[in-house]
Every structure is written in C-alpha cells, then in structure tokens.
Amino acid sequence: MNDASPQRVALITGAARGLGKAIAEVLARQGVALMLVDVLAERLEQTRVEIEAAGTRCAAFPADISQRANCVAAVEAALVAYGRLDVLINAAGLMRFNHAVDVPEDEFWRVMQVNAAAPFWFAQAAIPHLLESHGNIVNVLSQSALIGTAYIVPYSMSKAALMQLTKSLALEYADK
C-alpha cells in the first residue's frame, strides 16, 4: 500500500484468541488498521495492546455478538474510529460438546446466535460501507459445515448455515 492510499480497516470477530487473533496478527503485519471484537474483554484488551505495541492502529470492542445490537454497534465503532471499513472477518465461533439429545435449548440457541446469526447481523450492518470501499467479507467455516460431526450437532448446523450465508451474499452482491 502506498502512502497516498487510505489505510485499509478490518473488523475481526473472535479476535481475543485462536484463529481470530492469528488473523488479526497477520493483517497487522500487512498494515491494516483493526477493530477487534470478542466477548472475552480482558483477553481482547491484551491482544489489542500486543498488536498496537507492534505499531499497528488497533481498537477493541468487547461485546456479546449473540445480540444484534452489539453487532451493529461494533461496525459503528469501527466507522467512528477509522472512518471506513474494508474487510469484515467473521471468525468468532462457539462449540459445545454434547450428545444431540442432551443439548440444552439455551446452549443450542447461543451457538446458533454466535456462529450463524451474528455473521448475518455484522454483514447487514457492514455491507453498505463495504460497498463504498469495494471491500469484502470473510466468513470462517469448518469442515463441519460439509460433513456430519458427532457430539457438536448445533455447531455443525451453524457452520452449514454460515456457508449458505456466504454463498447467498456472494450471489446477491456478485455484480458489486
């Protein structure tokens, strides 16, 4: 990226640890400004401090993304912090191990909200801004979206839903 071009901005969910954090670290090395989102506030702040100490513009937005309002607020926070959004990376994922017949209702809905509904809410809030910046969305899937996986049925269902969200948005916005 040359100095005349505006700095790219990425919003990453699940950024406190694991794959989301690893993605944030790679993008930081590429000079991308970051808005990190995760429910784990202390770990998120630690990740933000580490990335910022390495010289990258980085902000954190601790939030429970199972709630639509928090997804919308995170996108708005990225716009306030940086004035633009170029990439939305839905890397957050929640998995619980259980026999299918033993999955409690609240656990089922929590997995579906974090893994399938939140990426939709984030996309819904981000798309108008991504269209302006010619940006993109990256949804992190799992092989569980394609094959049956024992003891994590709600997770597999949610990742299959995320796969269909990805395909459907790609078709809806193919010309953009």
Protein backbone atom coordinates (compact mmCIF):
# COMPACT_ATOMS: atom_id res chain seq x y z
CA MET A 1 0.00 0.00 0.00
CA ASN A 2 1.43 3.41 -0.86
CA ASP A 3 1.25 6.40 1.44
CA ALA A 4 -1.29 8.19 -0.78
CA SER A 5 -3.91 5.47 -0.37
CA PRO A 6 -6.07 5.37 2.74
CA GLN A 7 -5.20 2.69 5.27
CA ARG A 8 -7.39 -0.40 4.99
CA VAL A 9 -9.55 -1.25 8.00
CA ALA A 10 -10.69 -4.71 9.09
CA LEU A 11 -13.20 -5.69 11.75
CA ILE A 12 -12.47 -9.15 13.16
CA THR A 13 -14.80 -11.09 15.46
CA GLY A 14 -13.40 -13.71 17.82
CA ALA A 15 -10.17 -11.70 17.94
CA ALA A 16 -9.20 -12.31 21.57
CA ARG A 17 -7.63 -15.69 20.89
CA GLY A 18 -7.28 -18.56 18.47
CA LEU A 19 -7.88 -18.12 14.76
CA GLY A 20 -9.36 -14.63 15.11
CA LYS A 21 -6.25 -13.41 16.93
CA ALA A 22 -3.97 -15.08 14.38
CA ILE A 23 -5.83 -13.37 11.54
CA ALA A 24 -5.51 -10.03 13.34
CA GLU A 25 -1.76 -10.52 13.75
CA VAL A 26 -1.29 -11.30 10.05
CA LEU A 27 -3.36 -8.29 8.96
CA ALA A 28 -1.48 -6.07 11.40
CA ARG A 29 1.81 -7.09 9.77
CA GLN A 30 0.26 -6.05 6.45
CA GLY A 31 -0.51 -2.58 7.81
CA VAL A 32 -4.26 -2.99 8.14
CA ALA A 33 -5.92 -0.97 10.93
CA LEU A 34 -8.00 -3.25 13.14
CA MET A 35 -11.23 -3.23 15.12
CA LEU A 36 -11.11 -6.33 17.32
CA VAL A 37 -14.37 -7.77 18.67
CA ASP A 38 -14.82 -10.50 21.27
CA VAL A 39 -16.83 -11.27 24.37
CA LEU A 40 -13.62 -12.01 26.33
CA ALA A 41 -12.88 -8.40 27.30
CA GLU A 42 -9.61 -8.93 29.22
CA ARG A 43 -8.06 -11.18 26.59
CA LEU A 44 -9.27 -8.84 23.87
CA GLU A 45 -7.56 -5.90 25.56
CA GLN A 46 -4.37 -7.95 25.88
CA THR A 47 -4.50 -8.74 22.15
CA ARG A 48 -5.12 -5.08 21.34
CA VAL A 49 -2.14 -3.97 23.44
CA GLU A 50 0.14 -6.56 21.81
CA ILE A 51 -0.86 -5.57 18.28
CA GLU A 52 -0.69 -1.85 18.99
CA ALA A 53 2.75 -2.26 20.60
CA ALA A 54 3.94 -3.74 17.30
CA GLY A 55 2.97 -0.48 15.58
CA THR A 56 -0.49 -1.14 14.15
CA ARG A 57 -3.55 1.04 14.70
CA CYS A 58 -5.85 -1.17 16.72
CA ALA A 59 -9.07 -0.70 18.68
CA ALA A 60 -11.07 -3.16 20.72
CA PHE A 61 -14.81 -3.52 21.09
CA PRO A 62 -15.73 -6.05 23.79
CA ALA A 63 -19.22 -7.34 23.07
CA ASP A 64 -21.54 -10.31 23.21
CA ILE A 65 -22.20 -10.77 19.50
CA SER A 66 -25.16 -13.04 20.12
CA GLN A 67 -27.12 -9.79 20.33
CA ARG A 68 -27.86 -7.95 17.06
CA ALA A 69 -27.47 -4.50 18.62
CA ASN A 70 -23.90 -5.31 19.65
CA CYS A 71 -23.00 -6.38 16.11
CA VAL A 72 -24.35 -3.15 14.70
CA ALA A 73 -22.59 -1.13 17.42
CA ALA A 74 -19.25 -2.82 16.65
CA VAL A 75 -19.50 -1.83 12.98
CA GLU A 76 -20.42 1.72 14.01
CA ALA A 77 -17.43 1.79 16.40
CA ALA A 78 -15.09 0.83 13.54
CA LEU A 79 -16.51 3.65 11.43
CA VAL A 80 -16.13 6.17 14.26
CA ALA A 81 -12.56 5.03 14.96
CA TYR A 82 -11.34 4.89 11.35
CA GLY A 83 -13.93 6.48 9.07
CA ARG A 84 -14.16 3.43 6.82
CA LEU A 85 -14.45 -0.34 6.71
CA ASP A 86 -12.77 -2.53 4.10
CA VAL A 87 -12.98 -6.05 5.47
CA LEU A 88 -15.37 -7.87 7.79
CA ILE A 89 -13.97 -11.12 9.14
CA ASN A 90 -16.45 -13.31 10.99
CA ALA A 91 -14.02 -15.57 12.84
CA ALA A 92 -15.89 -15.98 16.13
CA GLY A 93 -17.11 -19.47 16.77
CA LEU A 94 -18.73 -21.25 19.67
CA MET A 95 -18.63 -25.03 20.03
CA ARG A 96 -20.05 -27.16 22.82
CA PHE A 97 -19.71 -30.93 23.06
CA ASN A 98 -22.85 -32.89 23.89
CA HIS A 99 -24.90 -35.84 22.76
CA ALA A 100 -27.58 -34.48 20.45
CA VAL A 101 -30.37 -35.50 22.82
CA ASP A 102 -28.64 -33.73 25.73
CA VAL A 103 -28.16 -30.29 24.16
CA PRO A 104 -29.96 -27.74 26.35
CA GLU A 105 -32.14 -25.25 24.50
CA ASP A 106 -30.19 -22.22 25.70
CA GLU A 107 -26.91 -23.78 24.53
CA PHE A 108 -28.39 -24.58 21.11
CA TRP A 109 -29.59 -21.02 20.59
CA ARG A 110 -26.35 -19.48 21.88
CA VAL A 111 -24.29 -21.49 19.35
CA MET A 112 -26.67 -20.55 16.54
CA GLN A 113 -26.67 -16.87 17.55
CA VAL A 114 -22.87 -16.56 17.70
CA ASN A 115 -22.00 -18.75 14.72
CA ALA A 116 -24.83 -18.04 12.27
CA ALA A 117 -26.94 -15.05 13.31
CA ALA A 118 -24.07 -12.73 14.33
CA PRO A 119 -22.29 -13.02 10.97
CA PHE A 120 -25.59 -12.11 9.30
CA TRP A 121 -26.08 -9.09 11.59
CA PHE A 122 -22.48 -8.00 11.02
CA ALA A 123 -22.88 -8.36 7.26
CA GLN A 124 -26.13 -6.46 7.29
CA ALA A 125 -24.52 -3.55 9.15
CA ALA A 126 -21.23 -3.64 7.20
CA ILE A 127 -22.36 -4.15 3.60
CA PRO A 128 -23.27 -0.51 2.85
CA HIS A 129 -19.78 0.54 3.99
CA LEU A 130 -18.06 -2.36 2.25
CA LEU A 131 -19.76 -1.38 -0.99
CA GLU A 132 -18.31 2.13 -0.63
CA SER A 133 -14.78 0.83 -0.04
CA HIS A 134 -15.05 -2.08 -2.51
CA GLY A 135 -14.38 -4.28 0.49
CA ASN A 136 -15.21 -7.85 1.30
CA ILE A 137 -16.47 -10.30 3.89
CA VAL A 138 -14.58 -13.35 5.07
CA ASN A 139 -16.63 -15.95 6.93
CA VAL A 140 -14.60 -18.61 8.74
CA LEU A 141 -16.16 -22.01 8.23
CA SER A 142 -15.34 -25.52 9.36
CA GLN A 143 -15.30 -28.91 7.73
CA SER A 144 -18.30 -29.49 9.99
CA ALA A 145 -20.29 -27.36 7.55
CA LEU A 146 -19.82 -30.06 4.93
CA ILE A 147 -19.75 -33.34 6.83
CA GLY A 148 -21.64 -34.71 9.77
CA THR A 149 -19.82 -34.36 13.08
CA ALA A 150 -20.84 -36.27 16.19
CA TYR A 151 -21.29 -34.53 19.54
CA ILE A 152 -21.30 -31.00 18.07
CA VAL A 153 -24.55 -31.04 16.12
CA PRO A 154 -25.54 -27.39 16.79
CA TYR A 155 -22.03 -26.25 15.79
CA SER A 156 -22.20 -28.23 12.55
CA MET A 157 -25.65 -26.82 11.81
CA SER A 158 -24.48 -23.27 12.48
CA LYS A 159 -21.43 -23.60 10.23
CA ALA A 160 -23.60 -25.05 7.44
CA ALA A 161 -25.86 -22.01 7.84
CA LEU A 162 -22.81 -19.75 7.64
CA MET A 163 -21.74 -21.49 4.45
CA GLN A 164 -25.14 -20.76 2.91
CA LEU A 165 -24.98 -17.16 4.12
CA THR A 166 -21.63 -16.84 2.34
CA LYS A 167 -22.93 -18.33 -0.90
CA SER A 168 -26.15 -16.33 -0.83
CA LEU A 169 -24.42 -13.00 -0.16
CA ALA A 170 -21.89 -13.77 -2.88
CA LEU A 171 -24.73 -14.24 -5.36
CA GLU A 172 -26.64 -11.20 -4.16
CA TYR A 173 -23.60 -8.94 -4.46
CA ALA A 174 -21.74 -10.65 -7.33
CA ASP A 175 -22.04 -7.57 -9.52
CA LYS A 176 -20.62 -5.34 -6.80
